[in-house]
Amino acid sequence: MTCGRAREFLGRKRAEPRTTADAKRERLGPREAFALTSGTDELYVAKGKKVVHLDLRRSRPDRDALLGLLLGPSGNLRAPAMRVGKTLCIGFAPDMYQAVLG
């Protein structure tokens, strides 16, 4: 359900994604999810009403800690996932999207 809310938010901001993928059809496991953090300076993760922000330039958690934030209970990348420049957003929270998209 959060993917629909994310699409709705992006529509209101008139932001068009360059590429999209259906998380149900194209599953990204731990290796692919961890690879998304390569070249990423900031990571935002929405977990319920809480948003975790990591500045990966200053301190980079170990692989297991990052995977704990990136992966859902199925062991695949949590959806929705959005990259904006060198910022990676996992999950959906309106405040998080507002902060990243401006």
PDB file of N, CA and C in Angstrom:
ATOM      1  N   MET A   1       0.807  -1.197   0.000  1.00  0.00           N
ATOM      2  CA  MET A   1       0.000   0.000   0.000  1.00  0.00           C
ATOM      3  C   MET A   1       0.855   1.269   0.000  1.00  0.00           C
ATOM      4  N   THR A   2       2.050   1.181   0.550  1.00  0.00           N
ATOM      5  CA  THR A   2       2.879   2.375   0.601  1.00  0.00           C
ATOM      6  C   THR A   2       3.350   2.794  -0.780  1.00  0.00           C
ATOM      7  N   CYS A   3       3.465   1.863  -1.714  1.00  0.00           N
ATOM      8  CA  CYS A   3       3.884   2.229  -3.072  1.00  0.00           C
ATOM      9  C   CYS A   3       2.848   3.136  -3.718  1.00  0.00           C
ATOM     10  N   GLY A   4       1.572   2.846  -3.488  1.00  0.00           N
ATOM     11  CA  GLY A   4       0.511   3.685  -4.021  1.00  0.00           C
ATOM     12  C   GLY A   4       0.551   5.083  -3.421  1.00  0.00           C
ATOM     13  N   ARG A   5       0.809   5.163  -2.113  1.00  0.00           N
ATOM     14  CA  ARG A   5       0.906   6.480  -1.471  1.00  0.00           C
ATOM     15  C   ARG A   5       2.127   7.235  -1.980  1.00  0.00           C
ATOM     16  N   ALA A   6       3.203   6.526  -2.251  1.00  0.00           N
ATOM     17  CA  ALA A   6       4.409   7.172  -2.785  1.00  0.00           C
ATOM     18  C   ALA A   6       4.129   7.722  -4.183  1.00  0.00           C
ATOM     19  N   ARG A   7       3.466   6.931  -5.031  1.00  0.00           N
ATOM     20  CA  ARG A   7       3.115   7.397  -6.382  1.00  0.00           C
ATOM     21  C   ARG A   7       2.213   8.625  -6.310  1.00  0.00           C
ATOM     22  N   GLU A   8       1.258   8.596  -5.381  1.00  0.00           N
ATOM     23  CA  GLU A   8       0.346   9.722  -5.203  1.00  0.00           C
ATOM     24  C   GLU A   8       1.113  10.980  -4.781  1.00  0.00           C
ATOM     25  N   PHE A   9       2.046  10.834  -3.852  1.00  0.00           N
ATOM     26  CA  PHE A   9       2.857  11.962  -3.392  1.00  0.00           C
ATOM     27  C   PHE A   9       3.681  12.525  -4.549  1.00  0.00           C
ATOM     28  N   LEU A  10       4.327  11.644  -5.312  1.00  0.00           N
ATOM     29  CA  LEU A  10       5.139  12.084  -6.446  1.00  0.00           C
ATOM     30  C   LEU A  10       4.279  12.795  -7.488  1.00  0.00           C
ATOM     31  N   GLY A  11       3.071  12.319  -7.695  1.00  0.00           N
ATOM     32  CA  GLY A  11       2.157  12.955  -8.635  1.00  0.00           C
ATOM     33  C   GLY A  11       1.798  14.367  -8.215  1.00  0.00           C
ATOM     34  N   ARG A  12       1.552  14.547  -6.914  1.00  0.00           N
ATOM     35  CA  ARG A  12       1.240  15.896  -6.412  1.00  0.00           C
ATOM     36  C   ARG A  12       2.435  16.829  -6.564  1.00  0.00           C
ATOM     37  N   LYS A  13       3.644  16.302  -6.429  1.00  0.00           N
ATOM     38  CA  LYS A  13       4.862  17.111  -6.577  1.00  0.00           C
ATOM     39  C   LYS A  13       5.263  17.264  -8.039  1.00  0.00           C
ATOM     40  N   ARG A  14       4.524  16.589  -8.938  1.00  0.00           N
ATOM     41  CA  ARG A  14       4.824  16.581 -10.371  1.00  0.00           C
ATOM     42  C   ARG A  14       6.235  16.062 -10.643  1.00  0.00           C
ATOM     43  N   ALA A  15       6.602  15.050  -9.875  1.00  0.00           N
ATOM     44  CA  ALA A  15       7.905  14.396 -10.031  1.00  0.00           C
ATOM     45  C   ALA A  15       7.701  13.094 -10.794  1.00  0.00           C
ATOM     46  N   GLU A  16       8.426  12.936 -11.854  1.00  0.00           N
ATOM     47  CA  GLU A  16       8.326  11.738 -12.682  1.00  0.00           C
ATOM     48  C   GLU A  16       9.561  10.871 -12.488  1.00  0.00           C
ATOM     49  N   PRO A  17       9.386   9.613 -12.095  1.00  0.00           N
ATOM     50  CA  PRO A  17      10.554   8.731 -11.986  1.00  0.00           C
ATOM     51  C   PRO A  17      11.101   8.393 -13.372  1.00  0.00           C
ATOM     52  N   ARG A  18      12.416   8.279 -13.458  1.00  0.00           N
ATOM     53  CA  ARG A  18      13.039   7.892 -14.734  1.00  0.00           C
ATOM     54  C   ARG A  18      12.791   6.432 -15.032  1.00  0.00           C
ATOM     55  N   THR A  19      12.904   5.616 -14.007  1.00  0.00           N
ATOM     56  CA  THR A  19      12.642   4.188 -14.171  1.00  0.00           C
ATOM     57  C   THR A  19      11.823   3.704 -12.987  1.00  0.00           C
ATOM     58  N   THR A  20      11.012   2.702 -13.229  1.00  0.00           N
ATOM     59  CA  THR A  20      10.245   2.069 -12.168  1.00  0.00           C
ATOM     60  C   THR A  20      10.352   0.564 -12.328  1.00  0.00           C
ATOM     61  N   ALA A  21      10.137  -0.138 -11.236  1.00  0.00           N
ATOM     62  CA  ALA A  21      10.148  -1.599 -11.267  1.00  0.00           C
ATOM     63  C   ALA A  21       9.064  -2.097 -10.324  1.00  0.00           C
ATOM     64  N   ASP A  22       8.424  -3.161 -10.693  1.00  0.00           N
ATOM     65  CA  ASP A  22       7.402  -3.775  -9.858  1.00  0.00           C
ATOM     66  C   ASP A  22       8.106  -4.699  -8.862  1.00  0.00           C
ATOM     67  N   ALA A  23       8.030  -4.353  -7.587  1.00  0.00           N
ATOM     68  CA  ALA A  23       8.736  -5.112  -6.546  1.00  0.00           C
ATOM     69  C   ALA A  23       8.219  -6.539  -6.417  1.00  0.00           C
ATOM     70  N   LYS A  24       6.997  -6.795  -6.859  1.00  0.00           N
ATOM     71  CA  LYS A  24       6.455  -8.153  -6.791  1.00  0.00           C
ATOM     72  C   LYS A  24       7.048  -9.043  -7.884  1.00  0.00           C
ATOM     73  N   ARG A  25       7.404  -8.442  -9.002  1.00  0.00           N
ATOM     74  CA  ARG A  25       7.955  -9.213 -10.123  1.00  0.00           C
ATOM     75  C   ARG A  25       9.474  -9.230 -10.126  1.00  0.00           C
ATOM     76  N   GLU A  26      10.074  -8.122  -9.763  1.00  0.00           N
ATOM     77  CA  GLU A  26      11.525  -7.975  -9.802  1.00  0.00           C
ATOM     78  C   GLU A  26      12.039  -7.840  -8.371  1.00  0.00           C
ATOM     79  N   ARG A  27      12.316  -8.969  -7.754  1.00  0.00           N
ATOM     80  CA  ARG A  27      12.754  -8.972  -6.358  1.00  0.00           C
ATOM     81  C   ARG A  27      14.264  -8.766  -6.275  1.00  0.00           C
ATOM     82  N   LEU A  28      14.656  -7.909  -5.343  1.00  0.00           N
ATOM     83  CA  LEU A  28      16.068  -7.655  -5.112  1.00  0.00           C
ATOM     84  C   LEU A  28      16.441  -8.237  -3.759  1.00  0.00           C
ATOM     85  N   GLY A  29      17.353  -9.194  -3.776  1.00  0.00           N
ATOM     86  CA  GLY A  29      17.797  -9.846  -2.560  1.00  0.00           C
ATOM     87  C   GLY A  29      18.877  -9.043  -1.854  1.00  0.00           C
ATOM     88  N   PRO A  30      19.488  -9.637  -0.847  1.00  0.00           N
ATOM     89  CA  PRO A  30      20.503  -8.923  -0.058  1.00  0.00           C
ATOM     90  C   PRO A  30      21.662  -8.372  -0.886  1.00  0.00           C
ATOM     91  N   ARG A  31      22.173  -9.141  -1.825  1.00  0.00           N
ATOM     92  CA  ARG A  31      23.313  -8.690  -2.632  1.00  0.00           C
ATOM     93  C   ARG A  31      22.956  -7.454  -3.450  1.00  0.00           C
ATOM     94  N   GLU A  32      21.810  -7.496  -4.119  1.00  0.00           N
ATOM     95  CA  GLU A  32      21.384  -6.369  -4.956  1.00  0.00           C
ATOM     96  C   GLU A  32      21.009  -5.158  -4.096  1.00  0.00           C
ATOM     97  N   ALA A  33      20.359  -5.402  -2.959  1.00  0.00           N
ATOM     98  CA  ALA A  33      19.973  -4.302  -2.068  1.00  0.00           C
ATOM     99  C   ALA A  33      21.222  -3.606  -1.524  1.00  0.00           C
ATOM    100  N   PHE A  34      22.216  -4.375  -1.114  1.00  0.00           N
ATOM    101  CA  PHE A  34      23.453  -3.779  -0.598  1.00  0.00           C
ATOM    102  C   PHE A  34      24.168  -2.999  -1.694  1.00  0.00           C
ATOM    103  N   ALA A  35      24.113  -3.500  -2.919  1.00  0.00           N
ATOM    104  CA  ALA A  35      24.761  -2.812  -4.041  1.00  0.00           C
ATOM    105  C   ALA A  35      24.143  -1.435  -4.283  1.00  0.00           C
ATOM    106  N   LEU A  36      22.873  -1.250  -3.943  1.00  0.00           N
ATOM    107  CA  LEU A  36      22.230   0.058  -4.111  1.00  0.00           C
ATOM    108  C   LEU A  36      22.889   1.132  -3.251  1.00  0.00           C
ATOM    109  N   THR A  37      23.547   0.729  -2.171  1.00  0.00           N
ATOM    110  CA  THR A  37      24.184   1.715  -1.296  1.00  0.00           C
ATOM    111  C   THR A  37      25.527   2.191  -1.847  1.00  0.00           C
ATOM    112  N   SER A  38      26.039   1.532  -2.864  1.00  0.00           N
ATOM    113  CA  SER A  38      27.286   1.968  -3.485  1.00  0.00           C
ATOM    114  C   SER A  38      27.062   3.327  -4.147  1.00  0.00           C
ATOM    115  N   GLY A  39      27.897   4.279  -3.845  1.00  0.00           N
ATOM    116  CA  GLY A  39      27.754   5.618  -4.409  1.00  0.00           C
ATOM    117  C   GLY A  39      26.675   6.447  -3.741  1.00  0.00           C
ATOM    118  N   THR A  40      26.142   5.956  -2.626  1.00  0.00           N
ATOM    119  CA  THR A  40      25.103   6.663  -1.893  1.00  0.00           C
ATOM    120  C   THR A  40      25.727   7.425  -0.733  1.00  0.00           C
ATOM    121  N   ASP A  41      25.391   8.715  -0.622  1.00  0.00           N
ATOM    122  CA  ASP A  41      25.898   9.535   0.473  1.00  0.00           C
ATOM    123  C   ASP A  41      24.959   9.562   1.667  1.00  0.00           C
ATOM    124  N   GLU A  42      23.656   9.489   1.401  1.00  0.00           N
ATOM    125  CA  GLU A  42      22.669   9.541   2.474  1.00  0.00           C
ATOM    126  C   GLU A  42      21.651   8.437   2.303  1.00  0.00           C
ATOM    127  N   LEU A  43      21.188   7.901   3.428  1.00  0.00           N
ATOM    128  CA  LEU A  43      20.173   6.850   3.424  1.00  0.00           C
ATOM    129  C   LEU A  43      19.063   7.264   4.375  1.00  0.00           C
ATOM    130  N   TYR A  44      17.835   7.273   3.872  1.00  0.00           N
ATOM    131  CA  TYR A  44      16.645   7.512   4.681  1.00  0.00           C
ATOM    132  C   TYR A  44      15.821   6.236   4.660  1.00  0.00           C
ATOM    133  N   VAL A  45      15.396   5.796   5.838  1.00  0.00           N
ATOM    134  CA  VAL A  45      14.590   4.585   5.932  1.00  0.00           C
ATOM    135  C   VAL A  45      13.375   4.877   6.800  1.00  0.00           C
ATOM    136  N   ALA A  46      12.186   4.695   6.235  1.00  0.00           N
ATOM    137  CA  ALA A  46      10.942   4.866   6.979  1.00  0.00           C
ATOM    138  C   ALA A  46      10.568   3.528   7.591  1.00  0.00           C
ATOM    139  N   LYS A  47      10.411   3.530   8.905  1.00  0.00           N
ATOM    140  CA  LYS A  47       9.976   2.335   9.632  1.00  0.00           C
ATOM    141  C   LYS A  47       8.803   2.750  10.494  1.00  0.00           C
ATOM    142  N   GLY A  48       7.600   2.480  10.010  1.00  0.00           N
ATOM    143  CA  GLY A  48       6.409   2.955  10.704  1.00  0.00           C
ATOM    144  C   GLY A  48       6.354   4.469  10.620  1.00  0.00           C
ATOM    145  N   LYS A  49       6.198   5.126  11.746  1.00  0.00           N
ATOM    146  CA  LYS A  49       6.174   6.597  11.763  1.00  0.00           C
ATOM    147  C   LYS A  49       7.557   7.177  11.990  1.00  0.00           C
ATOM    148  N   LYS A  50       8.533   6.317  12.215  1.00  0.00           N
ATOM    149  CA  LYS A  50       9.900   6.753  12.485  1.00  0.00           C
ATOM    150  C   LYS A  50      10.708   6.765  11.191  1.00  0.00           C
ATOM    151  N   VAL A  51      11.580   7.772  11.047  1.00  0.00           N
ATOM    152  CA  VAL A  51      12.473   7.839   9.891  1.00  0.00           C
ATOM    153  C   VAL A  51      13.908   7.813  10.406  1.00  0.00           C
ATOM    154  N   VAL A  52      14.684   6.885   9.887  1.00  0.00           N
ATOM    155  CA  VAL A  52      16.101   6.767  10.231  1.00  0.00           C
ATOM    156  C   VAL A  52      16.892   7.445   9.124  1.00  0.00           C
ATOM    157  N   HIS A  53      17.788   8.360   9.480  1.00  0.00           N
ATOM    158  CA  HIS A  53      18.636   9.034   8.506  1.00  0.00           C
ATOM    159  C   HIS A  53      20.085   8.709   8.815  1.00  0.00           C
ATOM    160  N   LEU A  54      20.820   8.224   7.823  1.00  0.00           N
ATOM    161  CA  LEU A  54      22.239   7.938   7.973  1.00  0.00           C
ATOM    162  C   LEU A  54      23.025   8.751   6.960  1.00  0.00           C
ATOM    163  N   ASP A  55      24.050   9.428   7.422  1.00  0.00           N
ATOM    164  CA  ASP A  55      24.985  10.119   6.540  1.00  0.00           C
ATOM    165  C   ASP A  55      26.126   9.142   6.288  1.00  0.00           C
ATOM    166  N   LEU A  56      26.080   8.475   5.162  1.00  0.00           N
ATOM    167  CA  LEU A  56      27.051   7.409   4.859  1.00  0.00           C
ATOM    168  C   LEU A  56      28.436   7.953   4.556  1.00  0.00           C
ATOM    169  N   ARG A  57      28.555   9.267   4.336  1.00  0.00           N
ATOM    170  CA  ARG A  57      29.875   9.867   4.117  1.00  0.00           C
ATOM    171  C   ARG A  57      30.644   9.921   5.433  1.00  0.00           C
ATOM    172  N   ARG A  58      29.939  10.191   6.529  1.00  0.00           N
ATOM    173  CA  ARG A  58      30.583  10.337   7.844  1.00  0.00           C
ATOM    174  C   ARG A  58      30.839   8.997   8.515  1.00  0.00           C
ATOM    175  N   SER A  59      29.826   8.146   8.514  1.00  0.00           N
ATOM    176  CA  SER A  59      30.017   6.820   9.112  1.00  0.00           C
ATOM    177  C   SER A  59      29.131   5.825   8.389  1.00  0.00           C
ATOM    178  N   ARG A  60      29.738   4.760   8.008  1.00  0.00           N
ATOM    179  CA  ARG A  60      29.034   3.720   7.248  1.00  0.00           C
ATOM    180  C   ARG A  60      28.888   2.487   8.132  1.00  0.00           C
ATOM    181  N   PRO A  61      27.638   2.098   8.452  1.00  0.00           N
ATOM    182  CA  PRO A  61      27.439   0.894   9.256  1.00  0.00           C
ATOM    183  C   PRO A  61      27.945  -0.343   8.514  1.00  0.00           C
ATOM    184  N   ASP A  62      28.116  -1.420   9.247  1.00  0.00           N
ATOM    185  CA  ASP A  62      28.563  -2.653   8.591  1.00  0.00           C
ATOM    186  C   ASP A  62      27.440  -3.213   7.712  1.00  0.00           C
ATOM    187  N   ARG A  63      27.785  -4.192   6.923  1.00  0.00           N
ATOM    188  CA  ARG A  63      26.871  -4.771   5.930  1.00  0.00           C
ATOM    189  C   ARG A  63      25.578  -5.272   6.579  1.00  0.00           C
ATOM    190  N   ASP A  64      25.702  -5.994   7.697  1.00  0.00           N
ATOM    191  CA  ASP A  64      24.517  -6.559   8.348  1.00  0.00           C
ATOM    192  C   ASP A  64      23.574  -5.470   8.860  1.00  0.00           C
ATOM    193  N   ALA A  65      24.131  -4.392   9.400  1.00  0.00           N
ATOM    194  CA  ALA A  65      23.295  -3.295   9.889  1.00  0.00           C
ATOM    195  C   ALA A  65      22.557  -2.625   8.736  1.00  0.00           C
ATOM    196  N   LEU A  66      23.247  -2.415   7.625  1.00  0.00           N
ATOM    197  CA  LEU A  66      22.595  -1.814   6.453  1.00  0.00           C
ATOM    198  C   LEU A  66      21.500  -2.731   5.920  1.00  0.00           C
ATOM    199  N   LEU A  67      21.784  -4.017   5.827  1.00  0.00           N
ATOM    200  CA  LEU A  67      20.780  -4.947   5.324  1.00  0.00           C
ATOM    201  C   LEU A  67      19.570  -5.003   6.247  1.00  0.00           C
ATOM    202  N   GLY A  68      19.780  -4.827   7.533  1.00  0.00           N
ATOM    203  CA  GLY A  68      18.669  -4.784   8.476  1.00  0.00           C
ATOM    204  C   GLY A  68      17.710  -3.635   8.183  1.00  0.00           C
ATOM    205  N   LEU A  69      18.237  -2.552   7.657  1.00  0.00           N
ATOM    206  CA  LEU A  69      17.403  -1.405   7.289  1.00  0.00           C
ATOM    207  C   LEU A  69      16.782  -1.558   5.906  1.00  0.00           C
ATOM    208  N   LEU A  70      17.511  -2.188   4.997  1.00  0.00           N
ATOM    209  CA  LEU A  70      17.079  -2.267   3.595  1.00  0.00           C
ATOM    210  C   LEU A  70      16.086  -3.390   3.309  1.00  0.00           C
ATOM    211  N   LEU A  71      16.188  -4.494   4.043  1.00  0.00           N
ATOM    212  CA  LEU A  71      15.402  -5.679   3.728  1.00  0.00           C
ATOM    213  C   LEU A  71      14.163  -5.799   4.599  1.00  0.00           C
ATOM    214  N   GLY A  72      13.117  -6.315   3.998  1.00  0.00           N
ATOM    215  CA  GLY A  72      11.886  -6.581   4.730  1.00  0.00           C
ATOM    216  C   GLY A  72      11.883  -7.996   5.263  1.00  0.00           C
ATOM    217  N   PRO A  73      10.760  -8.426   5.835  1.00  0.00           N
ATOM    218  CA  PRO A  73      10.665  -9.769   6.411  1.00  0.00           C
ATOM    219  C   PRO A  73      10.858 -10.884   5.380  1.00  0.00           C
ATOM    220  N   SER A  74      10.598 -10.583   4.118  1.00  0.00           N
ATOM    221  CA  SER A  74      10.756 -11.595   3.067  1.00  0.00           C
ATOM    222  C   SER A  74      12.218 -11.810   2.691  1.00  0.00           C
ATOM    223  N   GLY A  75      13.102 -10.908   3.157  1.00  0.00           N
ATOM    224  CA  GLY A  75      14.510 -11.003   2.794  1.00  0.00           C
ATOM    225  C   GLY A  75      14.842 -10.243   1.519  1.00  0.00           C
ATOM    226  N   ASN A  76      13.859  -9.540   0.979  1.00  0.00           N
ATOM    227  CA  ASN A  76      14.051  -8.734  -0.232  1.00  0.00           C
ATOM    228  C   ASN A  76      14.019  -7.252   0.119  1.00  0.00           C
ATOM    229  N   LEU A  77      14.480  -6.428  -0.829  1.00  0.00           N
ATOM    230  CA  LEU A  77      14.476  -4.982  -0.645  1.00  0.00           C
ATOM    231  C   LEU A  77      13.076  -4.505  -0.322  1.00  0.00           C
ATOM    232  N   ARG A  78      12.962  -3.660   0.692  1.00  0.00           N
ATOM    233  CA  ARG A  78      11.672  -3.090   1.052  1.00  0.00           C
ATOM    234  C   ARG A  78      11.229  -2.110  -0.028  1.00  0.00           C
ATOM    235  N   ALA A  79       9.921  -2.022  -0.213  1.00  0.00           N
ATOM    236  CA  ALA A  79       9.364  -1.125  -1.215  1.00  0.00           C
ATOM    237  C   ALA A  79       8.504  -0.093  -0.508  1.00  0.00           C
ATOM    238  N   PRO A  80       8.392   1.086  -1.055  1.00  0.00           N
ATOM    239  CA  PRO A  80       9.073   1.571  -2.248  1.00  0.00           C
ATOM    240  C   PRO A  80      10.505   1.984  -1.924  1.00  0.00           C
ATOM    241  N   ALA A  81      11.340   1.924  -2.925  1.00  0.00           N
ATOM    242  CA  ALA A  81      12.724   2.394  -2.825  1.00  0.00           C
ATOM    243  C   ALA A  81      12.914   3.445  -3.905  1.00  0.00           C
ATOM    244  N   MET A  82      13.560   4.541  -3.528  1.00  0.00           N
ATOM    245  CA  MET A  82      13.726   5.645  -4.461  1.00  0.00           C
ATOM    246  C   MET A  82      15.127   6.221  -4.302  1.00  0.00           C
ATOM    247  N   ARG A  83      15.796   6.442  -5.424  1.00  0.00           N
ATOM    248  CA  ARG A  83      17.099   7.106  -5.404  1.00  0.00           C
ATOM    249  C   ARG A  83      16.937   8.481  -6.033  1.00  0.00           C
ATOM    250  N   VAL A  84      17.411   9.484  -5.294  1.00  0.00           N
ATOM    251  CA  VAL A  84      17.409  10.866  -5.784  1.00  0.00           C
ATOM    252  C   VAL A  84      18.845  11.342  -5.678  1.00  0.00           C
ATOM    253  N   GLY A  85      19.530  11.415  -6.812  1.00  0.00           N
ATOM    254  CA  GLY A  85      20.947  11.770  -6.793  1.00  0.00           C
ATOM    255  C   GLY A  85      21.734  10.742  -6.002  1.00  0.00           C
ATOM    256  N   LYS A  86      22.395  11.183  -4.939  1.00  0.00           N
ATOM    257  CA  LYS A  86      23.185  10.278  -4.103  1.00  0.00           C
ATOM    258  C   LYS A  86      22.465   9.946  -2.801  1.00  0.00           C
ATOM    259  N   THR A  87      21.136  10.123  -2.806  1.00  0.00           N
ATOM    260  CA  THR A  87      20.308   9.820  -1.637  1.00  0.00           C
ATOM    261  C   THR A  87      19.409   8.641  -1.958  1.00  0.00           C
ATOM    262  N   LEU A  88      19.354   7.689  -1.045  1.00  0.00           N
ATOM    263  CA  LEU A  88      18.512   6.508  -1.206  1.00  0.00           C
ATOM    264  C   LEU A  88      17.436   6.533  -0.131  1.00  0.00           C
ATOM    265  N   CYS A  89      16.179   6.392  -0.543  1.00  0.00           N
ATOM    266  CA  CYS A  89      15.042   6.361   0.379  1.00  0.00           C
ATOM    267  C   CYS A  89      14.396   4.986   0.315  1.00  0.00           C
ATOM    268  N   ILE A  90      14.161   4.404   1.481  1.00  0.00           N
ATOM    269  CA  ILE A  90      13.528   3.094   1.578  1.00  0.00           C
ATOM    270  C   ILE A  90      12.259   3.262   2.401  1.00  0.00           C
ATOM    271  N   GLY A  91      11.145   2.737   1.887  1.00  0.00           N
ATOM    272  CA  GLY A  91       9.874   2.904   2.564  1.00  0.00           C
ATOM    273  C   GLY A  91       9.249   4.231   2.191  1.00  0.00           C
ATOM    274  N   PHE A  92       8.102   4.523   2.800  1.00  0.00           N
ATOM    275  CA  PHE A  92       7.430   5.787   2.494  1.00  0.00           C
ATOM    276  C   PHE A  92       7.016   6.490   3.773  1.00  0.00           C
ATOM    277  N   ALA A  93       7.360   7.752   3.852  1.00  0.00           N
ATOM    278  CA  ALA A  93       6.885   8.674   4.884  1.00  0.00           C
ATOM    279  C   ALA A  93       6.818  10.038   4.222  1.00  0.00           C
ATOM    280  N   PRO A  94       5.672  10.715   4.266  1.00  0.00           N
ATOM    281  CA  PRO A  94       5.537  12.001   3.583  1.00  0.00           C
ATOM    282  C   PRO A  94       6.638  13.001   3.971  1.00  0.00           C
ATOM    283  N   ASP A  95       6.961  13.062   5.260  1.00  0.00           N
ATOM    284  CA  ASP A  95       7.992  14.010   5.707  1.00  0.00           C
ATOM    285  C   ASP A  95       9.358  13.683   5.100  1.00  0.00           C
ATOM    286  N   MET A  96       9.650  12.401   4.994  1.00  0.00           N
ATOM    287  CA  MET A  96      10.918  11.977   4.411  1.00  0.00           C
ATOM    288  C   MET A  96      10.972  12.366   2.934  1.00  0.00           C
ATOM    289  N   TYR A  97       9.910  12.076   2.197  1.00  0.00           N
ATOM    290  CA  TYR A  97       9.877  12.433   0.777  1.00  0.00           C
ATOM    291  C   TYR A  97       9.983  13.944   0.600  1.00  0.00           C
ATOM    292  N   GLN A  98       9.301  14.712   1.470  1.00  0.00           N
ATOM    293  CA  GLN A  98       9.345  16.171   1.388  1.00  0.00           C
ATOM    294  C   GLN A  98      10.761  16.673   1.610  1.00  0.00           C
ATOM    295  N   ALA A  99      11.457  16.097   2.588  1.00  0.00           N
ATOM    296  CA  ALA A  99      12.830  16.518   2.889  1.00  0.00           C
ATOM    297  C   ALA A  99      13.762  16.226   1.725  1.00  0.00           C
ATOM    298  N   VAL A 100      13.583  15.098   1.084  1.00  0.00           N
ATOM    299  CA  VAL A 100      14.488  14.691  -0.001  1.00  0.00           C
ATOM    300  C   VAL A 100      14.170  15.417  -1.306  1.00  0.00           C
ATOM    301  N   LEU A 101      12.893  15.562  -1.594  1.00  0.00           N
ATOM    302  CA  LEU A 101      12.488  16.175  -2.867  1.00  0.00           C
ATOM    303  C   LEU A 101      12.404  17.693  -2.808  1.00  0.00           C
ATOM    304  N   GLY A 102      12.322  18.236  -1.597  1.00  0.00           N
ATOM    305  CA  GLY A 102      12.268  19.695  -1.444  1.00  0.00           C
ATOM    306  C   GLY A 102      10.961  20.321  -1.685  1.00  0.00           C
TER     307      GLY A 102
END
